[in-house]
Amino acid sequence: AQKMQEQIAELQEELDAREYEINAGGGVVTVKINGKKEIKSIDIK
């Protein structure tokens, strides 16, 4: 259980640091978000 708890904490840090890029409206809007669900940027054509 302790090992699993350590693995979960490490993974959560990694997941929080990830960034995702999502396109909508056929690519006219691009949203960048991190693993903490914080919007990092919005690009609007």
ModelCIF file with pLDDT and N, C-alpha, C, O atoms, coordinates in Angstrom:
data_MODEL
#
_entry.id   MODEL 
#
_entity.id                         1 
_entity.type                       polymer 
_entity.pdbx_number_of_molecules   1 
#
_entity_poly.entity_id                      1 
_entity_poly.type                           'polypeptide(L)' 
_entity_poly.nstd_linkage                   no 
_entity_poly.nstd_monomer                   no 
_entity_poly.pdbx_seq_one_letter_code       AQKMQEQIAELQEELDAREYEINAGGGVVTVKINGKKEIKSIDIK 
_entity_poly.pdbx_seq_one_letter_code_can   AQKMQEQIAELQEELDAREYEINAGGGVVTVKINGKKEIKSIDIK 
_entity_poly.pdbx_strand_id                 A 
#
loop_
_entity_poly_seq.entity_id 
_entity_poly_seq.num 
_entity_poly_seq.mon_id 
_entity_poly_seq.hetero 
1 1  ALA n 
1 2  GLN n 
1 3  LYS n 
1 4  MET n 
1 5  GLN n 
1 6  GLU n 
1 7  GLN n 
1 8  ILE n 
1 9  ALA n 
1 10 GLU n 
1 11 LEU n 
1 12 GLN n 
1 13 GLU n 
1 14 GLU n 
1 15 LEU n 
1 16 ASP n 
1 17 ALA n 
1 18 ARG n 
1 19 GLU n 
1 20 TYR n 
1 21 GLU n 
1 22 ILE n 
1 23 ASN n 
1 24 ALA n 
1 25 GLY n 
1 26 GLY n 
1 27 GLY n 
1 28 VAL n 
1 29 VAL n 
1 30 THR n 
1 31 VAL n 
1 32 LYS n 
1 33 ILE n 
1 34 ASN n 
1 35 GLY n 
1 36 LYS n 
1 37 LYS n 
1 38 GLU n 
1 39 ILE n 
1 40 LYS n 
1 41 SER n 
1 42 ILE n 
1 43 ASP n 
1 44 ILE n 
1 45 LYS n 
#
_struct_asym.id          A 
_struct_asym.entity_id   1 
#
loop_
_ma_qa_metric.id 
_ma_qa_metric.mode 
_ma_qa_metric.name 
_ma_qa_metric.software_group_id 
_ma_qa_metric.type 
1 global pLDDT . pLDDT 
2 local  pLDDT . pLDDT 
#
_ma_qa_metric_global.metric_id      1 
_ma_qa_metric_global.metric_value   94.11 
_ma_qa_metric_global.model_id       1 
_ma_qa_metric_global.ordinal_id     1 
#
loop_
_ma_qa_metric_local.label_asym_id 
_ma_qa_metric_local.label_comp_id 
_ma_qa_metric_local.label_seq_id 
_ma_qa_metric_local.metric_id 
_ma_qa_metric_local.metric_value 
_ma_qa_metric_local.model_id 
_ma_qa_metric_local.ordinal_id 
A ALA 1  2 88.00 1 1  
A GLN 2  2 91.00 1 2  
A LYS 3  2 90.00 1 3  
A MET 4  2 90.00 1 4  
A GLN 5  2 91.00 1 5  
A GLU 6  2 92.00 1 6  
A GLN 7  2 92.00 1 7  
A ILE 8  2 92.00 1 8  
A ALA 9  2 92.00 1 9  
A GLU 10 2 93.00 1 10 
A LEU 11 2 93.00 1 11 
A GLN 12 2 93.00 1 12 
A GLU 13 2 94.00 1 13 
A GLU 14 2 94.00 1 14 
A LEU 15 2 94.00 1 15 
A ASP 16 2 94.00 1 16 
A ALA 17 2 94.00 1 17 
A ARG 18 2 95.00 1 18 
A GLU 19 2 96.00 1 19 
A TYR 20 2 96.00 1 20 
A GLU 21 2 96.00 1 21 
A ILE 22 2 96.00 1 22 
A ASN 23 2 96.00 1 23 
A ALA 24 2 94.00 1 24 
A GLY 25 2 93.00 1 25 
A GLY 26 2 93.00 1 26 
A GLY 27 2 94.00 1 27 
A VAL 28 2 95.00 1 28 
A VAL 29 2 96.00 1 29 
A THR 30 2 96.00 1 30 
A VAL 31 2 96.00 1 31 
A LYS 32 2 97.00 1 32 
A ILE 33 2 96.00 1 33 
A ASN 34 2 96.00 1 34 
A GLY 35 2 95.00 1 35 
A LYS 36 2 94.00 1 36 
A LYS 37 2 94.00 1 37 
A GLU 38 2 95.00 1 38 
A ILE 39 2 95.00 1 39 
A LYS 40 2 96.00 1 40 
A SER 41 2 96.00 1 41 
A ILE 42 2 96.00 1 42 
A ASP 43 2 96.00 1 43 
A ILE 44 2 95.00 1 44 
A LYS 45 2 95.00 1 45 
#
loop_
_atom_site.group_PDB 
_atom_site.id 
_atom_site.type_symbol 
_atom_site.label_atom_id 
_atom_site.label_alt_id 
_atom_site.label_comp_id 
_atom_site.label_asym_id 
_atom_site.label_entity_id 
_atom_site.label_seq_id 
_atom_site.pdbx_PDB_ins_code 
_atom_site.Cartn_x 
_atom_site.Cartn_y 
_atom_site.Cartn_z 
_atom_site.occupancy 
_atom_site.B_iso_or_equiv 
_atom_site.pdbx_formal_charge 
_atom_site.auth_seq_id 
_atom_site.auth_comp_id 
_atom_site.auth_asym_id 
_atom_site.auth_atom_id 
_atom_site.pdbx_PDB_model_num 
ATOM 1   N N  . ALA A 1 1  ? 0.832   -1.202 0.000   1.00 88.00 ? 1  ALA A N  1 
ATOM 2   C CA . ALA A 1 1  ? 0.000   0.000  0.000   1.00 88.00 ? 1  ALA A CA 1 
ATOM 3   C C  . ALA A 1 1  ? 0.868   1.253  0.000   1.00 88.00 ? 1  ALA A C  1 
ATOM 4   O O  . ALA A 1 1  ? 0.554   2.220  -0.695  1.00 88.00 ? 1  ALA A O  1 
ATOM 5   N N  . GLN A 1 2  ? 1.959   1.249  0.774   1.00 91.00 ? 2  GLN A N  1 
ATOM 6   C CA . GLN A 1 2  ? 2.856   2.406  0.811   1.00 91.00 ? 2  GLN A CA 1 
ATOM 7   C C  . GLN A 1 2  ? 3.518   2.621  -0.551  1.00 91.00 ? 2  GLN A C  1 
ATOM 8   O O  . GLN A 1 2  ? 3.656   3.754  -1.011  1.00 91.00 ? 2  GLN A O  1 
ATOM 9   N N  . LYS A 1 3  ? 3.927   1.519  -1.192  1.00 90.00 ? 3  LYS A N  1 
ATOM 10  C CA . LYS A 1 3  ? 4.545   1.613  -2.510  1.00 90.00 ? 3  LYS A CA 1 
ATOM 11  C C  . LYS A 1 3  ? 3.542   2.185  -3.506  1.00 90.00 ? 3  LYS A C  1 
ATOM 12  O O  . LYS A 1 3  ? 3.882   3.044  -4.319  1.00 90.00 ? 3  LYS A O  1 
ATOM 13  N N  . MET A 1 4  ? 2.313   1.702  -3.435  1.00 90.00 ? 4  MET A N  1 
ATOM 14  C CA . MET A 1 4  ? 1.279   2.190  -4.340  1.00 90.00 ? 4  MET A CA 1 
ATOM 15  C C  . MET A 1 4  ? 1.025   3.673  -4.100  1.00 90.00 ? 4  MET A C  1 
ATOM 16  O O  . MET A 1 4  ? 0.850   4.436  -5.050  1.00 90.00 ? 4  MET A O  1 
ATOM 17  N N  . GLN A 1 5  ? 1.005   4.079  -2.855  1.00 91.00 ? 5  GLN A N  1 
ATOM 18  C CA . GLN A 1 5  ? 0.779   5.482  -2.515  1.00 91.00 ? 5  GLN A CA 1 
ATOM 19  C C  . GLN A 1 5  ? 1.887   6.356  -3.110  1.00 91.00 ? 5  GLN A C  1 
ATOM 20  O O  . GLN A 1 5  ? 1.611   7.442  -3.620  1.00 91.00 ? 5  GLN A O  1 
ATOM 21  N N  . GLU A 1 6  ? 3.131   5.891  -3.047  1.00 92.00 ? 6  GLU A N  1 
ATOM 22  C CA . GLU A 1 6  ? 4.249   6.628  -3.632  1.00 92.00 ? 6  GLU A CA 1 
ATOM 23  C C  . GLU A 1 6  ? 4.105   6.709  -5.150  1.00 92.00 ? 6  GLU A C  1 
ATOM 24  O O  . GLU A 1 6  ? 4.346   7.757  -5.750  1.00 92.00 ? 6  GLU A O  1 
ATOM 25  N N  . GLN A 1 7  ? 3.707   5.585  -5.770  1.00 92.00 ? 7  GLN A N  1 
ATOM 26  C CA . GLN A 1 7  ? 3.524   5.580  -7.218  1.00 92.00 ? 7  GLN A CA 1 
ATOM 27  C C  . GLN A 1 7  ? 2.415   6.540  -7.636  1.00 92.00 ? 7  GLN A C  1 
ATOM 28  O O  . GLN A 1 7  ? 2.532   7.234  -8.646  1.00 92.00 ? 7  GLN A O  1 
ATOM 29  N N  . ILE A 1 8  ? 1.350   6.574  -6.862  1.00 92.00 ? 8  ILE A N  1 
ATOM 30  C CA . ILE A 1 8  ? 0.227   7.458  -7.168  1.00 92.00 ? 8  ILE A CA 1 
ATOM 31  C C  . ILE A 1 8  ? 0.676   8.915  -7.063  1.00 92.00 ? 8  ILE A C  1 
ATOM 32  O O  . ILE A 1 8  ? 0.329   9.727  -7.921  1.00 92.00 ? 8  ILE A O  1 
ATOM 33  N N  . ALA A 1 9  ? 1.435   9.253  -6.036  1.00 92.00 ? 9  ALA A N  1 
ATOM 34  C CA . ALA A 1 9  ? 1.907   10.633 -5.859  1.00 92.00 ? 9  ALA A CA 1 
ATOM 35  C C  . ALA A 1 9  ? 2.814   11.048 -7.019  1.00 92.00 ? 9  ALA A C  1 
ATOM 36  O O  . ALA A 1 9  ? 2.699   12.162 -7.530  1.00 92.00 ? 9  ALA A O  1 
ATOM 37  N N  . GLU A 1 10 ? 3.714   10.153 -7.433  1.00 93.00 ? 10 GLU A N  1 
ATOM 38  C CA . GLU A 1 10 ? 4.608   10.451 -8.553  1.00 93.00 ? 10 GLU A CA 1 
ATOM 39  C C  . GLU A 1 10 ? 3.813   10.628 -9.848  1.00 93.00 ? 10 GLU A C  1 
ATOM 40  O O  . GLU A 1 10 ? 4.057   11.557 -10.617 1.00 93.00 ? 10 GLU A O  1 
ATOM 41  N N  . LEU A 1 11 ? 2.868   9.731  -10.072 1.00 93.00 ? 11 LEU A N  1 
ATOM 42  C CA . LEU A 1 11 ? 2.053   9.812  -11.280 1.00 93.00 ? 11 LEU A CA 1 
ATOM 43  C C  . LEU A 1 11 ? 1.214   11.083 -11.288 1.00 93.00 ? 11 LEU A C  1 
ATOM 44  O O  . LEU A 1 11 ? 1.065   11.719 -12.332 1.00 93.00 ? 11 LEU A O  1 
ATOM 45  N N  . GLN A 1 12 ? 0.665   11.461 -10.135 1.00 93.00 ? 12 GLN A N  1 
ATOM 46  C CA . GLN A 1 12 ? -0.155  12.671 -10.075 1.00 93.00 ? 12 GLN A CA 1 
ATOM 47  C C  . GLN A 1 12 ? 0.666   13.897 -10.436 1.00 93.00 ? 12 GLN A C  1 
ATOM 48  O O  . GLN A 1 12 ? 0.179   14.786 -11.135 1.00 93.00 ? 12 GLN A O  1 
ATOM 49  N N  . GLU A 1 13 ? 1.903   13.955 -9.968  1.00 94.00 ? 13 GLU A N  1 
ATOM 50  C CA . GLU A 1 13 ? 2.781   15.070 -10.337 1.00 94.00 ? 13 GLU A CA 1 
ATOM 51  C C  . GLU A 1 13 ? 2.998   15.119 -11.840 1.00 94.00 ? 13 GLU A C  1 
ATOM 52  O O  . GLU A 1 13 ? 2.933   16.180 -12.460 1.00 94.00 ? 13 GLU A O  1 
ATOM 53  N N  . GLU A 1 14 ? 3.257   13.942 -12.417 1.00 94.00 ? 14 GLU A N  1 
ATOM 54  C CA . GLU A 1 14 ? 3.476   13.858 -13.863 1.00 94.00 ? 14 GLU A CA 1 
ATOM 55  C C  . GLU A 1 14 ? 2.217   14.277 -14.628 1.00 94.00 ? 14 GLU A C  1 
ATOM 56  O O  . GLU A 1 14 ? 2.300   15.034 -15.595 1.00 94.00 ? 14 GLU A O  1 
ATOM 57  N N  . LEU A 1 15 ? 1.060   13.786 -14.195 1.00 94.00 ? 15 LEU A N  1 
ATOM 58  C CA . LEU A 1 15 ? -0.191  14.116 -14.872 1.00 94.00 ? 15 LEU A CA 1 
ATOM 59  C C  . LEU A 1 15 ? -0.510  15.604 -14.759 1.00 94.00 ? 15 LEU A C  1 
ATOM 60  O O  . LEU A 1 15 ? -0.995  16.207 -15.717 1.00 94.00 ? 15 LEU A O  1 
ATOM 61  N N  . ASP A 1 16 ? -0.243  16.200 -13.600 1.00 94.00 ? 16 ASP A N  1 
ATOM 62  C CA . ASP A 1 16 ? -0.494  17.629 -13.412 1.00 94.00 ? 16 ASP A CA 1 
ATOM 63  C C  . ASP A 1 16 ? 0.362   18.478 -14.354 1.00 94.00 ? 16 ASP A C  1 
ATOM 64  O O  . ASP A 1 16 ? -0.067  19.545 -14.793 1.00 94.00 ? 16 ASP A O  1 
ATOM 65  N N  . ALA A 1 17 ? 1.570   18.003 -14.665 1.00 94.00 ? 17 ALA A N  1 
ATOM 66  C CA . ALA A 1 17 ? 2.492   18.755 -15.505 1.00 94.00 ? 17 ALA A CA 1 
ATOM 67  C C  . ALA A 1 17 ? 2.198   18.607 -17.002 1.00 94.00 ? 17 ALA A C  1 
ATOM 68  O O  . ALA A 1 17 ? 2.667   19.419 -17.800 1.00 94.00 ? 17 ALA A O  1 
ATOM 69  N N  . ARG A 1 18 ? 1.444   17.603 -17.387 1.00 95.00 ? 18 ARG A N  1 
ATOM 70  C CA . ARG A 1 18 ? 1.146   17.392 -18.809 1.00 95.00 ? 18 ARG A CA 1 
ATOM 71  C C  . ARG A 1 18 ? 0.328   18.540 -19.374 1.00 95.00 ? 18 ARG A C  1 
ATOM 72  O O  . ARG A 1 18 ? -0.452  19.184 -18.674 1.00 95.00 ? 18 ARG A O  1 
ATOM 73  N N  . GLU A 1 19 ? 0.534   18.776 -20.675 1.00 96.00 ? 19 GLU A N  1 
ATOM 74  C CA . GLU A 1 19 ? -0.275  19.771 -21.370 1.00 96.00 ? 19 GLU A CA 1 
ATOM 75  C C  . GLU A 1 19 ? -0.967  19.106 -22.545 1.00 96.00 ? 19 GLU A C  1 
ATOM 76  O O  . GLU A 1 19 ? -0.418  18.210 -23.185 1.00 96.00 ? 19 GLU A O  1 
ATOM 77  N N  . TYR A 1 20 ? -2.175  19.558 -22.815 1.00 96.00 ? 20 TYR A N  1 
ATOM 78  C CA . TYR A 1 20 ? -3.002  19.012 -23.883 1.00 96.00 ? 20 TYR A CA 1 
ATOM 79  C C  . TYR A 1 20 ? -3.427  20.157 -24.787 1.00 96.00 ? 20 TYR A C  1 
ATOM 80  O O  . TYR A 1 20 ? -3.620  21.287 -24.339 1.00 96.00 ? 20 TYR A O  1 
ATOM 81  N N  . GLU A 1 21 ? -3.571  19.840 -26.070 1.00 96.00 ? 21 GLU A N  1 
ATOM 82  C CA . GLU A 1 21 ? -4.044  20.821 -27.035 1.00 96.00 ? 21 GLU A CA 1 
ATOM 83  C C  . GLU A 1 21 ? -5.296  20.259 -27.692 1.00 96.00 ? 21 GLU A C  1 
ATOM 84  O O  . GLU A 1 21 ? -5.261  19.184 -28.290 1.00 96.00 ? 21 GLU A O  1 
ATOM 85  N N  . ILE A 1 22 ? -6.382  20.976 -27.583 1.00 96.00 ? 22 ILE A N  1 
ATOM 86  C CA . ILE A 1 22 ? -7.682  20.538 -28.087 1.00 96.00 ? 22 ILE A CA 1 
ATOM 87  C C  . ILE A 1 22 ? -8.158  21.534 -29.132 1.00 96.00 ? 22 ILE A C  1 
ATOM 88  O O  . ILE A 1 22 ? -8.102  22.746 -28.920 1.00 96.00 ? 22 ILE A O  1 
ATOM 89  N N  . ASN A 1 23 ? -8.628  21.014 -30.264 1.00 96.00 ? 23 ASN A N  1 
ATOM 90  C CA . ASN A 1 23 ? -9.186  21.860 -31.322 1.00 96.00 ? 23 ASN A CA 1 
ATOM 91  C C  . ASN A 1 23 ? -10.695 21.686 -31.366 1.00 96.00 ? 23 ASN A C  1 
ATOM 92  O O  . ASN A 1 23 ? -11.215 20.599 -31.118 1.00 96.00 ? 23 ASN A O  1 
ATOM 93  N N  . ALA A 1 24 ? -11.388 22.768 -31.685 1.00 94.00 ? 24 ALA A N  1 
ATOM 94  C CA . ALA A 1 24 ? -12.849 22.714 -31.813 1.00 94.00 ? 24 ALA A CA 1 
ATOM 95  C C  . ALA A 1 24 ? -13.268 23.583 -32.990 1.00 94.00 ? 24 ALA A C  1 
ATOM 96  O O  . ALA A 1 24 ? -12.521 24.446 -33.453 1.00 94.00 ? 24 ALA A O  1 
ATOM 97  N N  . GLY A 1 25 ? -14.471 23.331 -33.455 1.00 93.00 ? 25 GLY A N  1 
ATOM 98  C CA . GLY A 1 25 ? -14.994 24.126 -34.565 1.00 93.00 ? 25 GLY A CA 1 
ATOM 99  C C  . GLY A 1 25 ? -14.196 23.949 -35.838 1.00 93.00 ? 25 GLY A C  1 
ATOM 100 O O  . GLY A 1 25 ? -14.016 24.891 -36.610 1.00 93.00 ? 25 GLY A O  1 
ATOM 101 N N  . GLY A 1 26 ? -13.717 22.731 -36.051 1.00 93.00 ? 26 GLY A N  1 
ATOM 102 C CA . GLY A 1 26 ? -12.923 22.485 -37.258 1.00 93.00 ? 26 GLY A CA 1 
ATOM 103 C C  . GLY A 1 26 ? -11.558 23.136 -37.210 1.00 93.00 ? 26 GLY A C  1 
ATOM 104 O O  . GLY A 1 26 ? -10.963 23.412 -38.252 1.00 93.00 ? 26 GLY A O  1 
ATOM 105 N N  . GLY A 1 27 ? -11.057 23.384 -36.016 1.00 94.00 ? 27 GLY A N  1 
ATOM 106 C CA . GLY A 1 27 ? -9.721  23.944 -35.857 1.00 94.00 ? 27 GLY A CA 1 
ATOM 107 C C  . GLY A 1 27 ? -9.677  25.458 -35.724 1.00 94.00 ? 27 GLY A C  1 
ATOM 108 O O  . GLY A 1 27 ? -8.593  26.039 -35.675 1.00 94.00 ? 27 GLY A O  1 
ATOM 109 N N  . VAL A 1 28 ? -10.839 26.110 -35.665 1.00 95.00 ? 28 VAL A N  1 
ATOM 110 C CA . VAL A 1 28 ? -10.835 27.574 -35.543 1.00 95.00 ? 28 VAL A CA 1 
ATOM 111 C C  . VAL A 1 28 ? -10.561 28.034 -34.111 1.00 95.00 ? 28 VAL A C  1 
ATOM 112 O O  . VAL A 1 28 ? -10.210 29.191 -33.878 1.00 95.00 ? 28 VAL A O  1 
ATOM 113 N N  . VAL A 1 29 ? -10.725 27.113 -33.152 1.00 96.00 ? 29 VAL A N  1 
ATOM 114 C CA . VAL A 1 29 ? -10.406 27.416 -31.757 1.00 96.00 ? 29 VAL A CA 1 
ATOM 115 C C  . VAL A 1 29 ? -9.492  26.311 -31.225 1.00 96.00 ? 29 VAL A C  1 
ATOM 116 O O  . VAL A 1 29 ? -9.790  25.125 -31.369 1.00 96.00 ? 29 VAL A O  1 
ATOM 117 N N  . THR A 1 30 ? -8.393  26.709 -30.619 1.00 96.00 ? 30 THR A N  1 
ATOM 118 C CA . THR A 1 30 ? -7.463  25.770 -29.999 1.00 96.00 ? 30 THR A CA 1 
ATOM 119 C C  . THR A 1 30 ? -7.295  26.160 -28.536 1.00 96.00 ? 30 THR A C  1 
ATOM 120 O O  . THR A 1 30 ? -6.998  27.310 -28.210 1.00 96.00 ? 30 THR A O  1 
ATOM 121 N N  . VAL A 1 31 ? -7.491  25.176 -27.665 1.00 96.00 ? 31 VAL A N  1 
ATOM 122 C CA . VAL A 1 31 ? -7.352  25.393 -26.230 1.00 96.00 ? 31 VAL A CA 1 
ATOM 123 C C  . VAL A 1 31 ? -6.183  24.554 -25.730 1.00 96.00 ? 31 VAL A C  1 
ATOM 124 O O  . VAL A 1 31 ? -6.073  23.371 -26.051 1.00 96.00 ? 31 VAL A O  1 
ATOM 125 N N  . LYS A 1 32 ? -5.322  25.171 -24.950 1.00 97.00 ? 32 LYS A N  1 
ATOM 126 C CA . LYS A 1 32 ? -4.246  24.433 -24.279 1.00 97.00 ? 32 LYS A CA 1 
ATOM 127 C C  . LYS A 1 32 ? -4.596  24.398 -22.800 1.00 97.00 ? 32 LYS A C  1 
ATOM 128 O O  . LYS A 1 32 ? -4.919  25.420 -22.193 1.00 97.00 ? 32 LYS A O  1 
ATOM 129 N N  . ILE A 1 33 ? -4.525  23.188 -22.231 1.00 96.00 ? 33 ILE A N  1 
ATOM 130 C CA . ILE A 1 33 ? -4.895  22.964 -20.833 1.00 96.00 ? 33 ILE A CA 1 
ATOM 131 C C  . ILE A 1 33 ? -3.847  22.062 -20.203 1.00 96.00 ? 33 ILE A C  1 
ATOM 132 O O  . ILE A 1 33 ? -3.253  21.225 -20.882 1.00 96.00 ? 33 ILE A O  1 
ATOM 133 N N  . ASN A 1 34 ? -3.620  22.230 -18.906 1.00 96.00 ? 34 ASN A N  1 
ATOM 134 C CA . ASN A 1 34 ? -2.688  21.326 -18.236 1.00 96.00 ? 34 ASN A CA 1 
ATOM 135 C C  . ASN A 1 34 ? -3.462  20.271 -17.455 1.00 96.00 ? 34 ASN A C  1 
ATOM 136 O O  . ASN A 1 34 ? -4.693  20.283 -17.419 1.00 96.00 ? 34 ASN A O  1 
ATOM 137 N N  . GLY A 1 35 ? -2.726  19.366 -16.835 1.00 95.00 ? 35 GLY A N  1 
ATOM 138 C CA . GLY A 1 35 ? -3.340  18.267 -16.096 1.00 95.00 ? 35 GLY A CA 1 
ATOM 139 C C  . GLY A 1 35 ? -4.091  18.695 -14.852 1.00 95.00 ? 35 GLY A C  1 
ATOM 140 O O  . GLY A 1 35 ? -4.838  17.903 -14.277 1.00 95.00 ? 35 GLY A O  1 
ATOM 141 N N  . LYS A 1 36 ? -3.906  19.928 -14.429 1.00 94.00 ? 36 LYS A N  1 
ATOM 142 C CA . LYS A 1 36 ? -4.651  20.447 -13.285 1.00 94.00 ? 36 LYS A CA 1 
ATOM 143 C C  . LYS A 1 36 ? -5.952  21.102 -13.737 1.00 94.00 ? 36 LYS A C  1 
ATOM 144 O O  . LYS A 1 36 ? -6.669  21.693 -12.929 1.00 94.00 ? 36 LYS A O  1 
ATOM 145 N N  . LYS A 1 37 ? -6.254  20.997 -15.029 1.00 94.00 ? 37 LYS A N  1 
ATOM 146 C CA . LYS A 1 37 ? -7.447  21.585 -15.650 1.00 94.00 ? 37 LYS A CA 1 
ATOM 147 C C  . LYS A 1 37 ? -7.395  23.105 -15.634 1.00 94.00 ? 37 LYS A C  1 
ATOM 148 O O  . LYS A 1 37 ? -8.422  23.772 -15.513 1.00 94.00 ? 37 LYS A O  1 
ATOM 149 N N  . GLU A 1 38 ? -6.179  23.646 -15.757 1.00 95.00 ? 38 GLU A N  1 
ATOM 150 C CA . GLU A 1 38 ? -6.002  25.084 -15.861 1.00 95.00 ? 38 GLU A CA 1 
ATOM 151 C C  . GLU A 1 38 ? -5.809  25.422 -17.339 1.00 95.00 ? 38 GLU A C  1 
ATOM 152 O O  . GLU A 1 38 ? -4.925  24.870 -17.995 1.00 95.00 ? 38 GLU A O  1 
ATOM 153 N N  . ILE A 1 39 ? -6.622  26.316 -17.854 1.00 95.00 ? 39 ILE A N  1 
ATOM 154 C CA . ILE A 1 39 ? -6.500  26.742 -19.242 1.00 95.00 ? 39 ILE A CA 1 
ATOM 155 C C  . ILE A 1 39 ? -5.225  27.581 -19.359 1.00 95.00 ? 39 ILE A C  1 
ATOM 156 O O  . ILE A 1 39 ? -5.058  28.574 -18.650 1.00 95.00 ? 39 ILE A O  1 
ATOM 157 N N  . LYS A 1 40 ? -4.340  27.176 -20.250 1.00 96.00 ? 40 LYS A N  1 
ATOM 158 C CA . LYS A 1 40 ? -3.072  27.877 -20.419 1.00 96.00 ? 40 LYS A CA 1 
ATOM 159 C C  . LYS A 1 40 ? -3.142  28.912 -21.538 1.00 96.00 ? 40 LYS A C  1 
ATOM 160 O O  . LYS A 1 40 ? -2.533  29.978 -21.446 1.00 96.00 ? 40 LYS A O  1 
ATOM 161 N N  . SER A 1 41 ? -3.892  28.591 -22.601 1.00 96.00 ? 41 SER A N  1 
ATOM 162 C CA . SER A 1 41 ? -4.045  29.558 -23.681 1.00 96.00 ? 41 SER A CA 1 
ATOM 163 C C  . SER A 1 41 ? -5.243  29.185 -24.551 1.00 96.00 ? 41 SER A C  1 
ATOM 164 O O  . SER A 1 41 ? -5.700  28.042 -24.567 1.00 96.00 ? 41 SER A O  1 
ATOM 165 N N  . ILE A 1 42 ? -5.728  30.183 -25.265 1.00 96.00 ? 42 ILE A N  1 
ATOM 166 C CA . ILE A 1 42 ? -6.819  30.006 -26.215 1.00 96.00 ? 42 ILE A CA 1 
ATOM 167 C C  . ILE A 1 42 ? -6.402  30.729 -27.491 1.00 96.00 ? 42 ILE A C  1 
ATOM 168 O O  . ILE A 1 42 ? -6.044  31.907 -27.465 1.00 96.00 ? 42 ILE A O  1 
ATOM 169 N N  . ASP A 1 43 ? -6.456  30.002 -28.609 1.00 96.00 ? 43 ASP A N  1 
ATOM 170 C CA . ASP A 1 43 ? -6.156  30.605 -29.905 1.00 96.00 ? 43 ASP A CA 1 
ATOM 171 C C  . ASP A 1 43 ? -7.439  30.590 -30.728 1.00 96.00 ? 43 ASP A C  1 
ATOM 172 O O  . ASP A 1 43 ? -8.035  29.536 -30.953 1.00 96.00 ? 43 ASP A O  1 
ATOM 173 N N  . ILE A 1 44 ? -7.854  31.771 -31.171 1.00 95.00 ? 44 ILE A N  1 
ATOM 174 C CA . ILE A 1 44 ? -9.086  31.915 -31.946 1.00 95.00 ? 44 ILE A CA 1 
ATOM 175 C C  . ILE A 1 44 ? -8.716  32.465 -33.317 1.00 95.00 ? 44 ILE A C  1 
ATOM 176 O O  . ILE A 1 44 ? -8.117  33.535 -33.423 1.00 95.00 ? 44 ILE A O  1 
ATOM 177 N N  . LYS A 1 45 ? -9.073  31.731 -34.362 1.00 95.00 ? 45 LYS A N  1 
ATOM 178 C CA . LYS A 1 45 ? -8.795  32.190 -35.728 1.00 95.00 ? 45 LYS A CA 1 
ATOM 179 C C  . LYS A 1 45 ? -9.719  33.367 -36.052 1.00 95.00 ? 45 LYS A C  1 
ATOM 180 O O  . LYS A 1 45 ? -9.659  33.914 -37.153 1.00 95.00 ? 45 LYS A O  1 
#
